[in-house]
Amino acid sequence: MPLASRVTRKPSGVDTEPQGPSNADRSWSSISSRRAATQMKPSMRFLYSILLPRYLSSEDAKEVRAFKFVGEDRSLLYNYVLSPLCEVIIQWVPKWVHPNVLTLCGLLCNVISHLIVFWYCPSLTEPCPAWVWALTGIMVIAYSFFDNLDGKQARRLGLSSPLGLLIDHGCDSINVVVSIFSTAALFQYGAGLRTLAMLFMTSTQFFFATWDEYYRGEFILPYINGPNEGIFVVATVYLLSSLMGDYTSFWHVKETLPFIGGSFQRCDIALVLMLISAIPITLNHVYGVYSHLTKFGFGSQQKRMNTRTRDLHHAFSTAAPYCVGVILACLWVTFSPEGVAAQHPRLTIWFIGILFSYAVAMIQVAHVCDGDLAPSRWPCIVPVMMIACNCVLGLLSPDKRPPIHEPFLLVFVSTFALLSWLSMVISVLRDISEALSVPMWTVPLKVQASCRSGKKVAIH
C-alpha cells in the first residue's frame, strides 16, 4: 500500500509502535485454534502440526512485537490526490469495520473482474464485451482506494500491527497475478512468452522491492511508482478500450518502426514500457542492497534489521531461488514437448503466480520477525524443478514424450503449490495474531465501545 510520509504512514496501517488489544479482547479465532489443538487426540494433533506447522518460534514472536516499520511514499498522485480524497472517504467507513476487511475488499474487486474476464476469455484470446472492460477499470480504481483506506482505518482505530502489513502485501502479490490475466486478455496475448514476460516483469519488481526492504529495513516508493500511477494508467487503458467500437482491431494494428524498419503491434507497446520500467527499478533495488551492505560491512552488527549475519553472499543467495525459478519457467513454457502452456494457459500462470506469492510471503515473514531468510525454506522451487526435469527428459527421449504426462504433472504440482501456500498463509497469520494478541478480522469490543463514547482509548 502507498505510504504518505516517513514512519507515520505505512502499508496496511502499520504504525511505528505495534499495538493490540488486551488478553480479554484477543480474537476468537486465535484462542479457539489453541484450544482445538490442545484438545485433539495425539494422532490428530500430529496431523495438525504437519498441515499447519508453527512458523514462529518464541524468539520470533518477541521480534514481531518489537517490529517498527519505516517507509515513505513520495508519489505525487498519492500525496496530492489519493490521500486527501481517502481522508474524506474514511469518515464514512463504519468504525466496526476492521482494516484487514477493507484490504480483502480491495482484492475481491479485482477477483470479481478476473472471474468475469475468465468467463468471456478463457484462453486469453477471445474478445470481451465493452462493459467487461469498463467494469474491470472501475474495479482496479476501487482496489486502489481500498488499498489506501485500510491503513487510514487502522490508525483511526489504533489497530496498526505487522499483521496488517503481511495481509496487505499478501493481497498485493495475488493482485499482481490477477491483473496480469486481465491485461493479457485485453491485448489477446494468449498462452506463451508475452503473457509470461508480463507476469515476470511485474512480479520481479515486486519481489526485489520486498527483498530490498528486508535487507535495508525501509520501504521507499519513488515519485512515480506502480502502486499509484501505474494502477491508474492500467485502469485508464481498460476504460478507454471499453469506449472503442472494436478494441481488438485497435490494439493489433501493425505500426512501422521509424528509421530501422520492421513493424510491431500496438499491444506490444505495453510490453516495451513494462520492460523499460522493470529493468532500472530492479537494478536500483539490487544496487541499493549492494551499497547498503557494503557500507556497513559484511556481517557487521547494525540496527535491528541487520542483527544477524547478512552479507552480499547471503543477499544474492536468497534471491537465487526466484531467479532460477524464472529461468526454468521460461524454458519450460518455450520448449514444453506437449505445449502444456497452450493447453492450460490460466493454470500455468496461476501455478507460477502462487509460487511467486509464496516467495514474497517468506521474505515478509522474515522481515517482521527479523529472522534469517534461508533459501532452504523455500519449497516453491521444487515444483518448478520437477516440471523442468520432466521437460528435459521428454526432449531427450527419441519420441519426444516426457516420462510424466505434462498436463497431469501441471495439475499435480499446482495442487501441491496451492496447498503449501494455504498452509503457510493460515499458519503465519495464526502465529502472528497470537504473538501480537490482535484480532485478524474483527474490531475488539473495547475499541468499539471507545468509538461509541467518542473517547480515544490507548490499546496495549
Protein backbone atom coordinates (compact mmCIF):
# COMPACT_ATOMS: atom_id res chain seq x y z
CA MET A 1 0.00 0.00 0.00
CA PRO A 2 1.22 3.54 -0.60
CA LEU A 3 2.83 5.43 2.27
CA ALA A 4 2.45 9.14 2.85
CA SER A 5 5.39 10.13 4.98
CA ARG A 6 8.30 8.55 6.74
CA VAL A 7 7.38 6.32 9.64
CA THR A 8 3.94 7.85 10.14
CA ARG A 9 2.38 6.32 7.03
CA LYS A 10 2.68 2.62 6.35
CA PRO A 11 1.23 -0.18 4.30
CA SER A 12 -1.98 -1.56 5.78
CA GLY A 13 -1.73 0.93 8.60
CA VAL A 14 1.42 -0.47 10.16
CA ASP A 15 2.36 2.01 12.86
CA THR A 16 5.75 2.57 14.40
CA GLU A 17 4.54 1.01 17.65
CA PRO A 18 2.64 -2.23 17.09
CA GLN A 19 -0.40 -2.31 19.30
CA GLY A 20 -3.02 -4.85 20.16
CA PRO A 21 -5.95 -5.42 22.45
CA SER A 22 -5.66 -6.79 25.94
CA ASN A 23 -5.81 -10.51 26.59
CA ALA A 24 -9.55 -10.23 27.17
CA ASP A 25 -10.00 -8.85 23.66
CA ARG A 26 -7.96 -11.40 21.76
CA SER A 27 -9.50 -12.65 18.57
CA TRP A 28 -11.77 -15.64 18.96
CA SER A 29 -10.02 -17.40 16.09
CA SER A 30 -6.57 -17.44 17.72
CA ILE A 31 -7.93 -18.59 21.10
CA SER A 32 -10.12 -21.28 19.59
CA SER A 33 -7.24 -22.58 17.44
CA ARG A 34 -5.07 -23.10 20.53
CA ARG A 35 -7.92 -24.78 22.42
CA ALA A 36 -8.69 -27.03 19.48
CA ALA A 37 -5.03 -28.03 19.14
CA THR A 38 -4.68 -28.93 22.83
CA GLN A 39 -7.94 -30.91 22.94
CA MET A 40 -7.11 -33.06 19.90
CA LYS A 41 -6.16 -36.69 20.07
CA PRO A 42 -2.40 -37.32 19.68
CA SER A 43 -2.83 -38.64 16.14
CA MET A 44 -4.93 -35.64 15.11
CA ARG A 45 -2.54 -33.27 16.87
CA PHE A 46 0.33 -34.75 14.87
CA LEU A 47 -1.62 -34.33 11.62
CA TYR A 48 -2.48 -30.76 12.59
CA SER A 49 1.19 -29.98 13.22
CA ILE A 50 2.08 -31.35 9.77
CA LEU A 51 -0.63 -29.50 7.85
CA LEU A 52 -0.43 -26.25 9.83
CA PRO A 53 3.07 -26.13 11.34
CA ARG A 54 4.37 -23.40 13.59
CA TYR A 55 6.33 -20.85 11.59
CA LEU A 56 7.22 -18.58 14.51
CA SER A 57 9.40 -19.52 17.45
CA SER A 58 9.19 -17.75 20.82
CA GLU A 59 12.14 -15.59 19.75
CA ASP A 60 10.37 -14.71 16.50
CA ALA A 61 7.27 -13.69 18.47
CA LYS A 62 9.37 -11.25 20.52
CA GLU A 63 10.81 -9.74 17.35
CA VAL A 64 7.33 -9.34 15.85
CA ARG A 65 6.21 -7.39 18.92
CA ALA A 66 9.29 -5.16 18.60
CA PHE A 67 8.84 -4.58 14.87
CA LYS A 68 8.82 -0.96 13.67
CA PHE A 69 8.04 -0.05 10.11
CA VAL A 70 9.98 2.66 8.28
CA GLY A 71 8.70 3.79 4.92
CA GLU A 72 7.73 6.64 2.67
CA ASP A 73 5.57 7.10 -0.40
CA ARG A 74 6.75 10.03 -2.48
CA SER A 75 4.13 9.53 -5.19
CA LEU A 76 2.74 12.83 -6.45
CA LEU A 77 -0.61 11.25 -7.28
CA TYR A 78 -0.88 9.72 -3.82
CA ASN A 79 0.16 12.77 -1.81
CA TYR A 80 -1.87 15.35 -3.72
CA VAL A 81 -4.93 13.38 -4.86
CA LEU A 82 -5.47 9.91 -3.41
CA SER A 83 -4.53 10.51 0.22
CA PRO A 84 -6.60 13.72 0.66
CA LEU A 85 -9.55 12.05 -1.05
CA CYS A 86 -9.29 8.95 1.15
CA GLU A 87 -9.16 11.16 4.25
CA VAL A 88 -12.67 12.30 3.32
CA ILE A 89 -13.96 8.85 2.36
CA ILE A 90 -12.69 7.20 5.57
CA GLN A 91 -15.08 9.33 7.60
CA TRP A 92 -17.95 7.40 6.01
CA VAL A 93 -16.49 3.98 6.85
CA PRO A 94 -18.08 2.46 10.00
CA LYS A 95 -15.70 2.06 12.90
CA TRP A 96 -16.72 -1.55 13.41
CA VAL A 97 -15.11 -2.47 10.06
CA HIS A 98 -11.66 -3.99 10.58
CA PRO A 99 -8.83 -2.61 8.39
CA ASN A 100 -7.98 -6.09 7.14
CA VAL A 101 -11.55 -6.47 5.89
CA LEU A 102 -11.00 -3.39 3.73
CA THR A 103 -7.81 -4.99 2.39
CA LEU A 104 -9.73 -8.11 1.39
CA CYS A 105 -12.48 -5.99 -0.18
CA GLY A 106 -9.87 -4.42 -2.42
CA LEU A 107 -8.59 -7.82 -3.51
CA LEU A 108 -12.16 -9.02 -4.02
CA CYS A 109 -12.80 -6.21 -6.50
CA ASN A 110 -10.09 -7.48 -8.83
CA VAL A 111 -11.02 -11.13 -8.25
CA ILE A 112 -14.60 -10.42 -9.37
CA SER A 113 -13.44 -8.74 -12.57
CA HIS A 114 -10.92 -11.56 -13.09
CA LEU A 115 -13.68 -14.19 -12.96
CA ILE A 116 -15.83 -12.24 -15.40
CA VAL A 117 -12.94 -11.89 -17.84
CA PHE A 118 -12.23 -15.61 -17.42
CA TRP A 119 -15.83 -16.41 -18.36
CA TYR A 120 -15.64 -14.45 -21.61
CA CYS A 121 -11.95 -15.06 -22.39
CA PRO A 122 -10.83 -18.47 -21.07
CA SER A 123 -7.83 -18.82 -23.40
CA LEU A 124 -6.78 -15.13 -23.24
CA THR A 125 -7.55 -14.69 -26.95
CA GLU A 126 -11.34 -14.19 -27.17
CA PRO A 127 -12.90 -10.70 -27.33
CA CYS A 128 -14.94 -9.46 -24.36
CA PRO A 129 -17.98 -7.16 -24.31
CA ALA A 130 -17.23 -3.48 -23.75
CA TRP A 131 -18.92 -3.45 -20.34
CA VAL A 132 -16.44 -6.06 -19.07
CA TRP A 133 -13.51 -3.70 -19.58
CA ALA A 134 -15.45 -0.77 -18.14
CA LEU A 135 -16.15 -2.84 -15.02
CA THR A 136 -12.53 -4.01 -14.86
CA GLY A 137 -11.27 -0.42 -14.97
CA ILE A 138 -13.68 0.61 -12.21
CA MET A 139 -12.66 -2.38 -10.08
CA VAL A 140 -8.97 -1.51 -10.45
CA ILE A 141 -9.67 2.03 -9.22
CA ALA A 142 -11.75 0.64 -6.34
CA TYR A 143 -8.86 -1.64 -5.40
CA SER A 144 -6.54 1.36 -5.25
CA PHE A 145 -8.88 3.21 -2.90
CA PHE A 146 -9.35 0.20 -0.61
CA ASP A 147 -5.56 -0.20 -0.59
CA ASN A 148 -5.33 3.30 0.86
CA LEU A 149 -8.33 3.18 3.16
CA ASP A 150 -7.21 0.16 5.18
CA GLY A 151 -4.18 1.96 6.59
CA LYS A 152 -6.18 5.06 7.48
CA GLN A 153 -8.81 2.90 9.20
CA ALA A 154 -6.08 1.09 11.16
CA ARG A 155 -4.65 4.31 12.57
CA ARG A 156 -8.13 5.71 13.11
CA LEU A 157 -8.97 2.74 15.38
CA GLY A 158 -5.48 2.19 16.81
CA LEU A 159 -5.25 -1.28 15.26
CA SER A 160 -1.93 -0.88 13.48
CA SER A 161 0.21 -4.03 13.55
CA PRO A 162 2.67 -6.10 11.49
CA LEU A 163 -0.22 -8.47 10.84
CA GLY A 164 -1.82 -5.83 8.64
CA LEU A 165 1.45 -5.41 6.75
CA LEU A 166 1.58 -9.12 5.92
CA ILE A 167 -2.05 -9.30 4.85
CA ASP A 168 -1.64 -6.19 2.72
CA HIS A 169 1.48 -7.44 0.92
CA GLY A 170 -0.06 -10.88 0.52
CA CYS A 171 -3.15 -9.45 -1.16
CA ASP A 172 -0.96 -7.24 -3.34
CA SER A 173 1.04 -10.26 -4.54
CA ILE A 174 -2.16 -12.08 -5.50
CA ASN A 175 -3.41 -8.94 -7.22
CA VAL A 176 -0.28 -8.93 -9.40
CA VAL A 177 -1.27 -12.30 -10.85
CA VAL A 178 -4.94 -11.37 -11.24
CA SER A 179 -4.05 -8.14 -13.05
CA ILE A 180 -1.79 -9.97 -15.50
CA PHE A 181 -4.69 -12.18 -16.58
CA SER A 182 -6.92 -9.18 -17.32
CA THR A 183 -4.21 -7.30 -19.20
CA ALA A 184 -3.21 -10.35 -21.25
CA ALA A 185 -6.88 -10.94 -22.12
CA LEU A 186 -7.33 -7.30 -23.17
CA PHE A 187 -4.36 -7.47 -25.55
CA GLN A 188 -5.22 -11.07 -26.52
CA TYR A 189 -1.71 -12.31 -25.79
CA GLY A 190 -2.90 -15.87 -25.28
CA ALA A 191 -0.59 -18.51 -23.87
CA GLY A 192 3.09 -18.05 -24.44
CA LEU A 193 6.06 -15.87 -23.70
CA ARG A 194 4.30 -12.49 -23.96
CA THR A 195 1.94 -13.28 -21.09
CA LEU A 196 4.75 -14.92 -19.13
CA ALA A 197 7.03 -11.93 -19.77
CA MET A 198 4.38 -9.55 -18.46
CA LEU A 199 3.97 -11.67 -15.33
CA PHE A 200 7.71 -11.86 -14.65
CA MET A 201 8.37 -8.17 -15.32
CA THR A 202 5.68 -7.23 -12.78
CA SER A 203 6.46 -9.89 -10.19
CA THR A 204 10.21 -9.28 -10.40
CA GLN A 205 9.78 -5.63 -9.44
CA PHE A 206 7.54 -6.70 -6.53
CA PHE A 207 9.93 -9.43 -5.40
CA PHE A 208 13.06 -7.27 -5.40
CA ALA A 209 11.24 -4.39 -3.69
CA THR A 210 10.36 -6.80 -0.86
CA TRP A 211 13.87 -8.25 -0.91
CA ASP A 212 15.28 -4.71 -0.72
CA GLU A 213 13.04 -3.90 2.25
CA TYR A 214 14.26 -6.99 4.09
CA TYR A 215 17.94 -6.05 3.82
CA ARG A 216 17.72 -2.26 4.15
CA GLY A 217 14.88 -2.14 6.66
CA GLU A 218 12.87 0.55 4.86
CA PHE A 219 10.28 0.72 2.11
CA ILE A 220 10.56 3.75 -0.17
CA LEU A 221 8.28 4.36 -3.15
CA PRO A 222 9.53 6.91 -5.73
CA TYR A 223 7.67 9.94 -7.06
CA ILE A 224 6.17 7.87 -9.87
CA ASN A 225 5.51 4.23 -8.99
CA GLY A 226 3.40 1.22 -9.90
CA PRO A 227 1.12 1.06 -6.83
CA ASN A 228 -0.17 4.55 -7.58
CA GLU A 229 0.45 5.95 -11.05
CA GLY A 230 0.84 2.50 -12.62
CA ILE A 231 -2.54 1.30 -11.37
CA PHE A 232 -4.33 4.34 -12.75
CA VAL A 233 -2.60 4.01 -16.12
CA VAL A 234 -3.85 0.42 -16.35
CA ALA A 235 -7.36 1.46 -15.30
CA THR A 236 -7.35 4.19 -17.96
CA VAL A 237 -6.39 1.66 -20.65
CA TYR A 238 -9.30 -0.56 -19.61
CA LEU A 239 -11.78 2.31 -19.64
CA LEU A 240 -10.60 3.65 -23.00
CA SER A 241 -10.78 0.16 -24.51
CA SER A 242 -14.40 -0.13 -23.37
CA LEU A 243 -15.23 3.02 -25.34
CA MET A 244 -13.73 1.72 -28.59
CA GLY A 245 -16.01 0.13 -31.11
CA ASP A 246 -13.55 -2.67 -31.86
CA TYR A 247 -10.75 -2.63 -29.33
CA THR A 248 -9.23 -5.86 -30.66
CA SER A 249 -8.53 -4.32 -34.06
CA PHE A 250 -7.11 -1.18 -32.47
CA TRP A 251 -4.58 -2.99 -30.30
CA HIS A 252 -3.49 -5.34 -33.11
CA VAL A 253 -2.86 -2.69 -35.74
CA LYS A 254 0.70 -3.01 -37.05
CA GLU A 255 2.87 0.08 -36.88
CA THR A 256 6.11 0.61 -38.78
CA LEU A 257 9.27 1.30 -36.85
CA PRO A 258 10.88 4.56 -37.99
CA PHE A 259 14.45 4.58 -39.31
CA ILE A 260 15.23 0.92 -38.59
CA GLY A 261 12.25 -0.59 -40.40
CA GLY A 262 10.18 -3.55 -39.30
CA SER A 263 6.78 -3.49 -37.64
CA PHE A 264 5.09 -4.13 -34.32
CA GLN A 265 1.57 -4.40 -32.94
CA ARG A 266 0.22 -1.68 -30.70
CA CYS A 267 -0.41 -4.19 -27.93
CA ASP A 268 3.34 -4.81 -27.76
CA ILE A 269 3.87 -1.23 -26.61
CA ALA A 270 2.72 -2.34 -23.15
CA LEU A 271 5.49 -4.95 -23.00
CA VAL A 272 8.12 -2.44 -24.10
CA LEU A 273 7.01 0.12 -21.50
CA MET A 274 6.99 -2.51 -18.76
CA LEU A 275 10.47 -3.64 -19.76
CA ILE A 276 11.76 -0.06 -19.78
CA SER A 277 10.47 0.45 -16.23
CA ALA A 278 11.23 -3.02 -14.84
CA ILE A 279 14.95 -3.10 -15.65
CA PRO A 280 16.04 0.16 -13.95
CA ILE A 281 13.70 -0.36 -10.98
CA THR A 282 15.00 -3.87 -10.36
CA LEU A 283 18.63 -2.84 -10.80
CA ASN A 284 18.06 0.06 -8.42
CA HIS A 285 16.88 -2.37 -5.73
CA VAL A 286 19.88 -4.63 -6.30
CA TYR A 287 22.30 -1.70 -6.20
CA GLY A 288 20.60 -0.34 -3.08
CA VAL A 289 21.15 -3.60 -1.21
CA TYR A 290 24.71 -3.87 -2.53
CA SER A 291 25.64 -0.34 -1.44
CA HIS A 292 23.91 -0.74 1.93
CA LEU A 293 25.66 -3.99 2.85
CA THR A 294 28.98 -2.72 1.52
CA LYS A 295 28.71 0.47 3.53
CA PHE A 296 28.01 -1.29 6.82
CA GLY A 297 30.44 -4.12 6.23
CA PHE A 298 29.94 -7.83 5.85
CA GLY A 299 28.21 -9.41 8.81
CA SER A 300 28.58 -6.31 10.96
CA GLN A 301 26.24 -5.65 13.84
CA GLN A 302 23.84 -2.98 12.66
CA LYS A 303 20.38 -1.86 13.65
CA ARG A 304 17.62 -4.34 14.44
CA MET A 305 17.09 -5.24 10.78
CA ASN A 306 20.67 -6.44 10.49
CA THR A 307 21.33 -8.03 13.86
CA ARG A 308 22.18 -11.30 12.16
CA THR A 309 24.93 -12.01 9.68
CA ARG A 310 23.74 -10.72 6.32
CA ASP A 311 26.39 -10.06 3.70
CA LEU A 312 26.35 -9.89 -0.07
CA HIS A 313 26.66 -13.64 -0.41
CA HIS A 314 23.65 -14.09 1.83
CA ALA A 315 21.67 -11.46 -0.07
CA PHE A 316 22.24 -12.90 -3.52
CA SER A 317 21.76 -16.48 -2.35
CA THR A 318 18.29 -15.60 -1.08
CA ALA A 319 17.39 -14.05 -4.44
CA ALA A 320 18.77 -17.02 -6.38
CA PRO A 321 15.75 -19.36 -5.97
CA TYR A 322 13.42 -16.80 -7.51
CA CYS A 323 15.80 -16.07 -10.40
CA VAL A 324 16.34 -19.77 -11.08
CA GLY A 325 12.59 -20.33 -10.98
CA VAL A 326 12.01 -17.57 -13.55
CA ILE A 327 14.59 -19.05 -15.93
CA LEU A 328 13.26 -22.60 -15.57
CA ALA A 329 9.66 -21.47 -16.07
CA CYS A 330 10.54 -19.58 -19.26
CA LEU A 331 12.46 -22.55 -20.66
CA TRP A 332 9.62 -24.91 -19.76
CA VAL A 333 6.93 -22.80 -21.45
CA THR A 334 9.13 -22.35 -24.53
CA PHE A 335 10.30 -25.94 -25.01
CA SER A 336 7.45 -27.94 -23.48
CA PRO A 337 7.19 -31.17 -25.56
CA GLU A 338 3.40 -31.25 -25.21
CA GLY A 339 2.79 -27.50 -25.29
CA VAL A 340 1.16 -27.57 -21.87
CA ALA A 341 1.01 -23.77 -21.55
CA ALA A 342 -1.11 -23.54 -24.70
CA GLN A 343 -3.44 -26.25 -23.39
CA HIS A 344 -3.80 -24.78 -19.89
CA PRO A 345 -2.72 -21.11 -20.01
CA ARG A 346 -4.51 -19.99 -16.86
CA LEU A 347 -3.39 -22.93 -14.75
CA THR A 348 0.19 -22.34 -15.92
CA ILE A 349 0.12 -18.68 -14.91
CA TRP A 350 -1.62 -19.37 -11.60
CA PHE A 351 0.92 -22.09 -10.79
CA ILE A 352 3.79 -19.65 -11.30
CA GLY A 353 1.88 -16.86 -9.53
CA ILE A 354 1.29 -18.93 -6.41
CA LEU A 355 4.99 -19.74 -6.17
CA PHE A 356 5.79 -16.03 -6.55
CA SER A 357 3.34 -15.14 -3.77
CA TYR A 358 4.89 -17.81 -1.54
CA ALA A 359 8.39 -16.42 -2.08
CA VAL A 360 7.28 -12.86 -1.30
CA ALA A 361 5.45 -14.01 1.83
CA MET A 362 8.56 -15.77 3.13
CA ILE A 363 10.56 -12.56 2.79
CA GLN A 364 7.90 -10.54 4.59
CA VAL A 365 7.68 -13.02 7.45
CA ALA A 366 11.47 -12.99 7.84
CA HIS A 367 11.36 -9.18 7.76
CA VAL A 368 8.83 -8.69 10.56
CA CYS A 369 10.46 -11.46 12.63
CA ASP A 370 14.00 -10.21 11.97
CA GLY A 371 14.66 -13.81 11.02
CA ASP A 372 17.10 -15.44 8.67
CA LEU A 373 15.89 -15.83 5.09
CA ALA A 374 17.28 -19.24 4.25
CA PRO A 375 16.81 -20.47 0.66
CA SER A 376 16.29 -23.97 2.04
CA ARG A 377 12.97 -22.79 3.49
CA TRP A 378 11.61 -22.12 0.01
CA PRO A 379 9.86 -25.31 -1.19
CA CYS A 380 8.43 -23.21 -4.02
CA ILE A 381 11.44 -24.02 -6.21
CA VAL A 382 10.82 -27.79 -6.01
CA PRO A 383 7.70 -27.92 -8.26
CA VAL A 384 9.41 -25.85 -10.97
CA MET A 385 12.43 -28.16 -10.91
CA MET A 386 10.16 -31.20 -11.20
CA ILE A 387 8.46 -29.78 -14.29
CA ALA A 388 11.78 -28.68 -15.81
CA CYS A 389 13.37 -32.11 -15.33
CA ASN A 390 10.33 -33.81 -16.84
CA CYS A 391 10.54 -31.43 -19.80
CA VAL A 392 14.26 -32.08 -20.36
CA LEU A 393 13.77 -35.86 -20.22
CA GLY A 394 10.99 -35.53 -22.79
CA LEU A 395 13.17 -33.51 -25.14
CA LEU A 396 15.99 -36.05 -24.84
CA SER A 397 13.78 -39.09 -25.46
CA PRO A 398 13.58 -40.49 -29.02
CA ASP A 399 9.81 -39.98 -29.28
CA LYS A 400 9.95 -36.52 -27.62
CA ARG A 401 7.48 -37.64 -24.96
CA PRO A 402 8.18 -36.81 -21.28
CA PRO A 403 8.06 -39.60 -18.68
CA ILE A 404 5.05 -37.98 -16.99
CA HIS A 405 2.15 -36.57 -18.98
CA GLU A 406 2.71 -32.81 -18.70
CA PRO A 407 -0.92 -31.70 -18.11
CA PHE A 408 -1.19 -34.28 -15.31
CA LEU A 409 2.10 -33.12 -13.78
CA LEU A 410 0.98 -29.48 -14.02
CA VAL A 411 -2.22 -30.26 -12.12
CA PHE A 412 -0.25 -32.21 -9.51
CA VAL A 413 2.39 -29.54 -8.85
CA SER A 414 -0.24 -26.77 -8.94
CA THR A 415 -2.24 -28.59 -6.27
CA PHE A 416 0.92 -29.07 -4.22
CA ALA A 417 1.81 -25.38 -4.58
CA LEU A 418 -1.69 -24.24 -3.64
CA LEU A 419 -1.87 -26.47 -0.55
CA SER A 420 1.62 -25.36 0.54
CA TRP A 421 0.63 -21.72 0.07
CA LEU A 422 -2.62 -22.14 2.03
CA SER A 423 -0.81 -23.96 4.84
CA MET A 424 1.80 -21.21 5.04
CA VAL A 425 -0.75 -18.37 4.97
CA ILE A 426 -3.03 -19.87 7.62
CA SER A 427 -0.12 -20.83 9.90
CA VAL A 428 1.69 -17.49 9.63
CA LEU A 429 -1.44 -15.41 10.22
CA ARG A 430 -2.38 -17.60 13.18
CA ASP A 431 1.10 -17.37 14.73
CA ILE A 432 1.43 -13.60 14.32
CA SER A 433 -2.13 -12.97 15.53
CA GLU A 434 -1.35 -14.94 18.67
CA ALA A 435 2.07 -13.31 19.14
CA LEU A 436 0.60 -9.81 18.95
CA SER A 437 -2.70 -10.70 20.65
CA VAL A 438 -4.57 -8.82 17.94
CA PRO A 439 -7.69 -9.91 16.05
CA MET A 440 -7.43 -10.56 12.34
CA TRP A 441 -10.90 -9.64 11.14
CA THR A 442 -12.93 -8.12 13.99
CA VAL A 443 -12.64 -4.84 15.87
CA PRO A 444 -12.22 -5.52 19.63
CA LEU A 445 -15.17 -4.64 21.85
CA LYS A 446 -13.03 -2.16 23.79
CA VAL A 447 -12.30 -0.23 20.60
CA GLN A 448 -15.94 -0.27 19.54
CA ALA A 449 -17.01 1.00 22.96
CA SER A 450 -14.44 3.80 22.87
CA CYS A 451 -15.64 4.81 19.40
CA ARG A 452 -19.24 5.00 20.59
CA SER A 453 -18.26 7.10 23.59
CA GLY A 454 -16.09 9.39 21.49
CA LYS A 455 -13.03 8.72 23.65
CA LYS A 456 -9.67 7.68 22.26
CA VAL A 457 -8.60 4.69 24.33
CA ALA A 458 -5.00 3.55 24.15
CA ILE A 459 -4.74 -0.15 23.37
CA HIS A 460 -1.86 -2.07 24.88
